[in-house]
Amino acid sequence: MPNQRAAQVRDMSDEMLVDRLAETKAELFNLRFQHVTGQLDNYSRLPQLKREIARIHTELRTREIAAAEALESQP
């Protein structure tokens, strides 16, 4: 059974993915800042956000490759 989060990412539009990527990166930045200042309570959130960012980047790259292949295959 595929990962539920990965399936959710695949169902998002390109625009939604870019927006979610920006939100996730901002949240990761804030959590890193909290970590440095000793205010972070949930340390497990850092790797979760990193994985989510990786999922989004992977999906965007997959779509980019698929679009390029579609252009190449056109006569």
PDB file of N, CA and C in Angstrom:
ATOM      1  N   MET A   1       0.842  -1.174   0.000  1.00  0.00           N
ATOM      2  CA  MET A   1       0.000   0.000   0.000  1.00  0.00           C
ATOM      3  C   MET A   1       0.892   1.244   0.000  1.00  0.00           C
ATOM      4  N   PRO A   2       0.673   2.162  -0.927  1.00  0.00           N
ATOM      5  CA  PRO A   2       1.519   3.346  -0.991  1.00  0.00           C
ATOM      6  C   PRO A   2       1.305   4.248   0.224  1.00  0.00           C
ATOM      7  N   ASN A   3       2.302   5.066   0.471  1.00  0.00           N
ATOM      8  CA  ASN A   3       2.246   5.993   1.583  1.00  0.00           C
ATOM      9  C   ASN A   3       1.099   6.977   1.372  1.00  0.00           C
ATOM     10  N   GLN A   4       0.303   7.195   2.410  1.00  0.00           N
ATOM     11  CA  GLN A   4      -0.857   8.066   2.298  1.00  0.00           C
ATOM     12  C   GLN A   4      -0.428   9.508   2.014  1.00  0.00           C
ATOM     13  N   ARG A   5       0.642   9.958   2.645  1.00  0.00           N
ATOM     14  CA  ARG A   5       1.099  11.329   2.417  1.00  0.00           C
ATOM     15  C   ARG A   5       1.584  11.508   0.982  1.00  0.00           C
ATOM     16  N   ALA A   6       2.267  10.511   0.461  1.00  0.00           N
ATOM     17  CA  ALA A   6       2.741  10.588  -0.919  1.00  0.00           C
ATOM     18  C   ALA A   6       1.552  10.636  -1.874  1.00  0.00           C
ATOM     19  N   ALA A   7       0.516   9.885  -1.581  1.00  0.00           N
ATOM     20  CA  ALA A   7      -0.680   9.902  -2.421  1.00  0.00           C
ATOM     21  C   ALA A   7      -1.347  11.271  -2.375  1.00  0.00           C
ATOM     22  N   GLN A   8      -1.359  11.891  -1.214  1.00  0.00           N
ATOM     23  CA  GLN A   8      -1.934  13.232  -1.099  1.00  0.00           C
ATOM     24  C   GLN A   8      -1.134  14.233  -1.930  1.00  0.00           C
ATOM     25  N   VAL A   9       0.178  14.094  -1.920  1.00  0.00           N
ATOM     26  CA  VAL A   9       1.030  14.995  -2.699  1.00  0.00           C
ATOM     27  C   VAL A   9       0.769  14.797  -4.184  1.00  0.00           C
ATOM     28  N   ARG A  10       0.618  13.558  -4.616  1.00  0.00           N
ATOM     29  CA  ARG A  10       0.358  13.286  -6.036  1.00  0.00           C
ATOM     30  C   ARG A  10      -0.970  13.873  -6.491  1.00  0.00           C
ATOM     31  N   ASP A  11      -1.937  13.979  -5.585  1.00  0.00           N
ATOM     32  CA  ASP A  11      -3.253  14.495  -5.943  1.00  0.00           C
ATOM     33  C   ASP A  11      -3.300  16.019  -6.019  1.00  0.00           C
ATOM     34  N   MET A  12      -2.267  16.694  -5.539  1.00  0.00           N
ATOM     35  CA  MET A  12      -2.250  18.158  -5.532  1.00  0.00           C
ATOM     36  C   MET A  12      -1.887  18.700  -6.919  1.00  0.00           C
ATOM     37  N   SER A  13      -2.392  19.897  -7.211  1.00  0.00           N
ATOM     38  CA  SER A  13      -2.022  20.556  -8.466  1.00  0.00           C
ATOM     39  C   SER A  13      -0.621  21.148  -8.316  1.00  0.00           C
ATOM     40  N   ASP A  14      -0.037  21.542  -9.432  1.00  0.00           N
ATOM     41  CA  ASP A  14       1.305  22.128  -9.401  1.00  0.00           C
ATOM     42  C   ASP A  14       1.337  23.386  -8.528  1.00  0.00           C
ATOM     43  N   GLU A  15       0.327  24.213  -8.680  1.00  0.00           N
ATOM     44  CA  GLU A  15       0.263  25.452  -7.904  1.00  0.00           C
ATOM     45  C   GLU A  15       0.148  25.156  -6.409  1.00  0.00           C
ATOM     46  N   MET A  16      -0.665  24.180  -6.072  1.00  0.00           N
ATOM     47  CA  MET A  16      -0.811  23.800  -4.666  1.00  0.00           C
ATOM     48  C   MET A  16       0.501  23.246  -4.114  1.00  0.00           C
ATOM     49  N   LEU A  17       1.221  22.490  -4.934  1.00  0.00           N
ATOM     50  CA  LEU A  17       2.504  21.940  -4.494  1.00  0.00           C
ATOM     51  C   LEU A  17       3.512  23.047  -4.207  1.00  0.00           C
ATOM     52  N   VAL A  18       3.569  24.033  -5.076  1.00  0.00           N
ATOM     53  CA  VAL A  18       4.509  25.135  -4.874  1.00  0.00           C
ATOM     54  C   VAL A  18       4.144  25.912  -3.608  1.00  0.00           C
ATOM     55  N   ASP A  19       2.848  26.144  -3.402  1.00  0.00           N
ATOM     56  CA  ASP A  19       2.408  26.837  -2.188  1.00  0.00           C
ATOM     57  C   ASP A  19       2.742  26.026  -0.940  1.00  0.00           C
ATOM     58  N   ARG A  20       2.469  24.733  -0.987  1.00  0.00           N
ATOM     59  CA  ARG A  20       2.743  23.868   0.160  1.00  0.00           C
ATOM     60  C   ARG A  20       4.241  23.791   0.437  1.00  0.00           C
ATOM     61  N   LEU A  21       5.041  23.786  -0.617  1.00  0.00           N
ATOM     62  CA  LEU A  21       6.493  23.762  -0.458  1.00  0.00           C
ATOM     63  C   LEU A  21       6.964  25.015   0.277  1.00  0.00           C
ATOM     64  N   ALA A  22       6.449  26.167  -0.114  1.00  0.00           N
ATOM     65  CA  ALA A  22       6.830  27.421   0.543  1.00  0.00           C
ATOM     66  C   ALA A  22       6.406  27.415   2.012  1.00  0.00           C
ATOM     67  N   GLU A  23       5.192  26.938   2.291  1.00  0.00           N
ATOM     68  CA  GLU A  23       4.710  26.871   3.673  1.00  0.00           C
ATOM     69  C   GLU A  23       5.570  25.938   4.514  1.00  0.00           C
ATOM     70  N   THR A  24       5.906  24.800   3.956  1.00  0.00           N
ATOM     71  CA  THR A  24       6.679  23.804   4.688  1.00  0.00           C
ATOM     72  C   THR A  24       8.090  24.304   4.955  1.00  0.00           C
ATOM     73  N   LYS A  25       8.693  24.956   3.969  1.00  0.00           N
ATOM     74  CA  LYS A  25      10.035  25.508   4.167  1.00  0.00           C
ATOM     75  C   LYS A  25      10.026  26.593   5.238  1.00  0.00           C
ATOM     76  N   ALA A  26       8.985  27.429   5.249  1.00  0.00           N
ATOM     77  CA  ALA A  26       8.881  28.476   6.265  1.00  0.00           C
ATOM     78  C   ALA A  26       8.719  27.863   7.655  1.00  0.00           C
ATOM     79  N   GLU A  27       7.897  26.822   7.745  1.00  0.00           N
ATOM     80  CA  GLU A  27       7.706  26.149   9.031  1.00  0.00           C
ATOM     81  C   GLU A  27       9.007  25.504   9.506  1.00  0.00           C
ATOM     82  N   LEU A  28       9.738  24.881   8.593  1.00  0.00           N
ATOM     83  CA  LEU A  28      11.015  24.269   8.949  1.00  0.00           C
ATOM     84  C   LEU A  28      12.000  25.332   9.433  1.00  0.00           C
ATOM     85  N   PHE A  29      12.033  26.470   8.763  1.00  0.00           N
ATOM     86  CA  PHE A  29      12.908  27.563   9.186  1.00  0.00           C
ATOM     87  C   PHE A  29      12.570  28.001  10.605  1.00  0.00           C
ATOM     88  N   ASN A  30      11.279  28.175  10.889  1.00  0.00           N
ATOM     89  CA  ASN A  30      10.857  28.597  12.229  1.00  0.00           C
ATOM     90  C   ASN A  30      11.202  27.553  13.282  1.00  0.00           C
ATOM     91  N   LEU A  31      11.009  26.286  12.954  1.00  0.00           N
ATOM     92  CA  LEU A  31      11.327  25.236  13.915  1.00  0.00           C
ATOM     93  C   LEU A  31      12.829  25.144  14.162  1.00  0.00           C
ATOM     94  N   ARG A  32      13.620  25.342  13.131  1.00  0.00           N
ATOM     95  CA  ARG A  32      15.081  25.345  13.321  1.00  0.00           C
ATOM     96  C   ARG A  32      15.493  26.494  14.241  1.00  0.00           C
ATOM     97  N   PHE A  33      14.860  27.629  14.065  1.00  0.00           N
ATOM     98  CA  PHE A  33      15.153  28.775  14.918  1.00  0.00           C
ATOM     99  C   PHE A  33      14.773  28.459  16.363  1.00  0.00           C
ATOM    100  N   GLN A  34      13.611  27.852  16.572  1.00  0.00           N
ATOM    101  CA  GLN A  34      13.188  27.457  17.918  1.00  0.00           C
ATOM    102  C   GLN A  34      14.148  26.438  18.510  1.00  0.00           C
ATOM    103  N   HIS A  35      14.643  25.536  17.680  1.00  0.00           N
ATOM    104  CA  HIS A  35      15.581  24.517  18.142  1.00  0.00           C
ATOM    105  C   HIS A  35      16.874  25.159  18.652  1.00  0.00           C
ATOM    106  N   VAL A  36      17.376  26.122  17.913  1.00  0.00           N
ATOM    107  CA  VAL A  36      18.620  26.789  18.294  1.00  0.00           C
ATOM    108  C   VAL A  36      18.442  27.569  19.597  1.00  0.00           C
ATOM    109  N   THR A  37      17.274  28.174  19.768  1.00  0.00           N
ATOM    110  CA  THR A  37      17.038  28.971  20.974  1.00  0.00           C
ATOM    111  C   THR A  37      16.546  28.130  22.143  1.00  0.00           C
ATOM    112  N   GLY A  38      16.368  26.832  21.930  1.00  0.00           N
ATOM    113  CA  GLY A  38      15.955  25.943  23.012  1.00  0.00           C
ATOM    114  C   GLY A  38      14.474  25.960  23.322  1.00  0.00           C
ATOM    115  N   GLN A  39      13.659  26.453  22.415  1.00  0.00           N
ATOM    116  CA  GLN A  39      12.223  26.559  22.644  1.00  0.00           C
ATOM    117  C   GLN A  39      11.413  25.458  21.971  1.00  0.00           C
ATOM    118  N   LEU A  40      12.074  24.576  21.249  1.00  0.00           N
ATOM    119  CA  LEU A  40      11.369  23.548  20.485  1.00  0.00           C
ATOM    120  C   LEU A  40      10.959  22.403  21.399  1.00  0.00           C
ATOM    121  N   ASP A  41       9.680  22.041  21.362  1.00  0.00           N
ATOM    122  CA  ASP A  41       9.162  20.957  22.192  1.00  0.00           C
ATOM    123  C   ASP A  41       9.130  19.631  21.445  1.00  0.00           C
ATOM    124  N   ASN A  42       8.789  19.667  20.166  1.00  0.00           N
ATOM    125  CA  ASN A  42       8.611  18.443  19.393  1.00  0.00           C
ATOM    126  C   ASN A  42       9.729  18.328  18.353  1.00  0.00           C
ATOM    127  N   TYR A  43      10.823  17.676  18.744  1.00  0.00           N
ATOM    128  CA  TYR A  43      11.980  17.556  17.854  1.00  0.00           C
ATOM    129  C   TYR A  43      11.694  16.656  16.653  1.00  0.00           C
ATOM    130  N   SER A  44      10.746  15.754  16.769  1.00  0.00           N
ATOM    131  CA  SER A  44      10.460  14.837  15.666  1.00  0.00           C
ATOM    132  C   SER A  44       9.814  15.548  14.477  1.00  0.00           C
ATOM    133  N   ARG A  45       9.356  16.749  14.674  1.00  0.00           N
ATOM    134  CA  ARG A  45       8.721  17.500  13.585  1.00  0.00           C
ATOM    135  C   ARG A  45       9.748  17.919  12.524  1.00  0.00           C
ATOM    136  N   LEU A  46      10.996  18.126  12.925  1.00  0.00           N
ATOM    137  CA  LEU A  46      12.034  18.536  11.968  1.00  0.00           C
ATOM    138  C   LEU A  46      12.223  17.511  10.853  1.00  0.00           C
ATOM    139  N   PRO A  47      12.484  16.237  11.160  1.00  0.00           N
ATOM    140  CA  PRO A  47      12.633  15.270  10.063  1.00  0.00           C
ATOM    141  C   PRO A  47      11.336  15.037   9.290  1.00  0.00           C
ATOM    142  N   GLN A  48      10.192  15.200   9.949  1.00  0.00           N
ATOM    143  CA  GLN A  48       8.921  15.052   9.242  1.00  0.00           C
ATOM    144  C   GLN A  48       8.800  16.106   8.143  1.00  0.00           C
ATOM    145  N   LEU A  49       9.161  17.337   8.480  1.00  0.00           N
ATOM    146  CA  LEU A  49       9.082  18.412   7.491  1.00  0.00           C
ATOM    147  C   LEU A  49      10.088  18.207   6.368  1.00  0.00           C
ATOM    148  N   LYS A  50      11.286  17.732   6.714  1.00  0.00           N
ATOM    149  CA  LYS A  50      12.289  17.464   5.683  1.00  0.00           C
ATOM    150  C   LYS A  50      11.790  16.406   4.704  1.00  0.00           C
ATOM    151  N   ARG A  51      11.137  15.370   5.225  1.00  0.00           N
ATOM    152  CA  ARG A  51      10.599  14.326   4.348  1.00  0.00           C
ATOM    153  C   ARG A  51       9.474  14.868   3.474  1.00  0.00           C
ATOM    154  N   GLU A  52       8.635  15.731   4.052  1.00  0.00           N
ATOM    155  CA  GLU A  52       7.549  16.305   3.262  1.00  0.00           C
ATOM    156  C   GLU A  52       8.104  17.176   2.130  1.00  0.00           C
ATOM    157  N   ILE A  53       9.130  17.951   2.425  1.00  0.00           N
ATOM    158  CA  ILE A  53       9.770  18.774   1.395  1.00  0.00           C
ATOM    159  C   ILE A  53      10.339  17.882   0.296  1.00  0.00           C
ATOM    160  N   ALA A  54      10.962  16.789   0.690  1.00  0.00           N
ATOM    161  CA  ALA A  54      11.522  15.857  -0.294  1.00  0.00           C
ATOM    162  C   ALA A  54      10.421  15.242  -1.156  1.00  0.00           C
ATOM    163  N   ARG A  55       9.296  14.891  -0.548  1.00  0.00           N
ATOM    164  CA  ARG A  55       8.174  14.332  -1.313  1.00  0.00           C
ATOM    165  C   ARG A  55       7.679  15.332  -2.357  1.00  0.00           C
ATOM    166  N   ILE A  56       7.556  16.584  -1.943  1.00  0.00           N
ATOM    167  CA  ILE A  56       7.061  17.616  -2.856  1.00  0.00           C
ATOM    168  C   ILE A  56       8.051  17.833  -3.999  1.00  0.00           C
ATOM    169  N   HIS A  57       9.338  17.929  -3.664  1.00  0.00           N
ATOM    170  CA  HIS A  57      10.358  18.094  -4.709  1.00  0.00           C
ATOM    171  C   HIS A  57      10.344  16.910  -5.676  1.00  0.00           C
ATOM    172  N   THR A  58      10.192  15.716  -5.150  1.00  0.00           N
ATOM    173  CA  THR A  58      10.167  14.518  -5.990  1.00  0.00           C
ATOM    174  C   THR A  58       8.982  14.558  -6.947  1.00  0.00           C
ATOM    175  N   GLU A  59       7.820  14.924  -6.446  1.00  0.00           N
ATOM    176  CA  GLU A  59       6.636  14.975  -7.295  1.00  0.00           C
ATOM    177  C   GLU A  59       6.769  16.064  -8.358  1.00  0.00           C
ATOM    178  N   LEU A  60       7.282  17.225  -7.982  1.00  0.00           N
ATOM    179  CA  LEU A  60       7.473  18.291  -8.965  1.00  0.00           C
ATOM    180  C   LEU A  60       8.452  17.864 -10.056  1.00  0.00           C
ATOM    181  N   ARG A  61       9.524  17.204  -9.669  1.00  0.00           N
ATOM    182  CA  ARG A  61      10.523  16.738 -10.646  1.00  0.00           C
ATOM    183  C   ARG A  61       9.937  15.653 -11.548  1.00  0.00           C
ATOM    184  N   THR A  62       9.142  14.759 -10.982  1.00  0.00           N
ATOM    185  CA  THR A  62       8.500  13.710 -11.770  1.00  0.00           C
ATOM    186  C   THR A  62       7.588  14.320 -12.829  1.00  0.00           C
ATOM    187  N   ARG A  63       6.835  15.327 -12.440  1.00  0.00           N
ATOM    188  CA  ARG A  63       5.946  15.995 -13.390  1.00  0.00           C
ATOM    189  C   ARG A  63       6.740  16.741 -14.460  1.00  0.00           C
ATOM    190  N   GLU A  64       7.855  17.341 -14.061  1.00  0.00           N
ATOM    191  CA  GLU A  64       8.707  18.049 -15.014  1.00  0.00           C
ATOM    192  C   GLU A  64       9.273  17.086 -16.057  1.00  0.00           C
ATOM    193  N   ILE A  65       9.715  15.930 -15.612  1.00  0.00           N
ATOM    194  CA  ILE A  65      10.258  14.921 -16.528  1.00  0.00           C
ATOM    195  C   ILE A  65       9.169  14.399 -17.453  1.00  0.00           C
ATOM    196  N   ALA A  66       7.978  14.153 -16.913  1.00  0.00           N
ATOM    197  CA  ALA A  66       6.873  13.656 -17.729  1.00  0.00           C
ATOM    198  C   ALA A  66       6.490  14.678 -18.799  1.00  0.00           C
ATOM    199  N   ALA A  67       6.495  15.954 -18.446  1.00  0.00           N
ATOM    200  CA  ALA A  67       6.161  16.991 -19.416  1.00  0.00           C
ATOM    201  C   ALA A  67       7.226  17.071 -20.510  1.00  0.00           C
ATOM    202  N   ALA A  68       8.485  16.939 -20.135  1.00  0.00           N
ATOM    203  CA  ALA A  68       9.571  16.980 -21.120  1.00  0.00           C
ATOM    204  C   ALA A  68       9.494  15.786 -22.063  1.00  0.00           C
ATOM    205  N   GLU A  69       9.186  14.623 -21.532  1.00  0.00           N
ATOM    206  CA  GLU A  69       9.053  13.432 -22.371  1.00  0.00           C
ATOM    207  C   GLU A  69       7.875  13.557 -23.320  1.00  0.00           C
ATOM    208  N   ALA A  70       6.798  14.178 -22.857  1.00  0.00           N
ATOM    209  CA  ALA A  70       5.634  14.366 -23.717  1.00  0.00           C
ATOM    210  C   ALA A  70       5.974  15.300 -24.879  1.00  0.00           C
ATOM    211  N   LEU A  71       6.767  16.326 -24.605  1.00  0.00           N
ATOM    212  CA  LEU A  71       7.174  17.246 -25.672  1.00  0.00           C
ATOM    213  C   LEU A  71       8.102  16.568 -26.670  1.00  0.00           C
ATOM    214  N   GLU A  72       8.993  15.722 -26.185  1.00  0.00           N
ATOM    215  CA  GLU A  72       9.922  15.024 -27.071  1.00  0.00           C
ATOM    216  C   GLU A  72       9.212  14.012 -27.965  1.00  0.00           C
ATOM    217  N   SER A  73       8.166  13.415 -27.457  1.00  0.00           N
ATOM    218  CA  SER A  73       7.484  12.378 -28.224  1.00  0.00           C
ATOM    219  C   SER A  73       6.538  12.954 -29.280  1.00  0.00           C
ATOM    220  N   GLN A  74       6.253  14.244 -29.206  1.00  0.00           N
ATOM    221  CA  GLN A  74       5.388  14.853 -30.209  1.00  0.00           C
ATOM    222  C   GLN A  74       6.166  15.030 -31.507  1.00  0.00           C
ATOM    223  N   PRO A  75       5.505  14.747 -32.641  1.00  0.00           N
ATOM    224  CA  PRO A  75       6.199  14.880 -33.939  1.00  0.00           C
ATOM    225  C   PRO A  75       6.437  16.310 -34.329  1.00  0.00           C
TER     226      PRO A  75
END
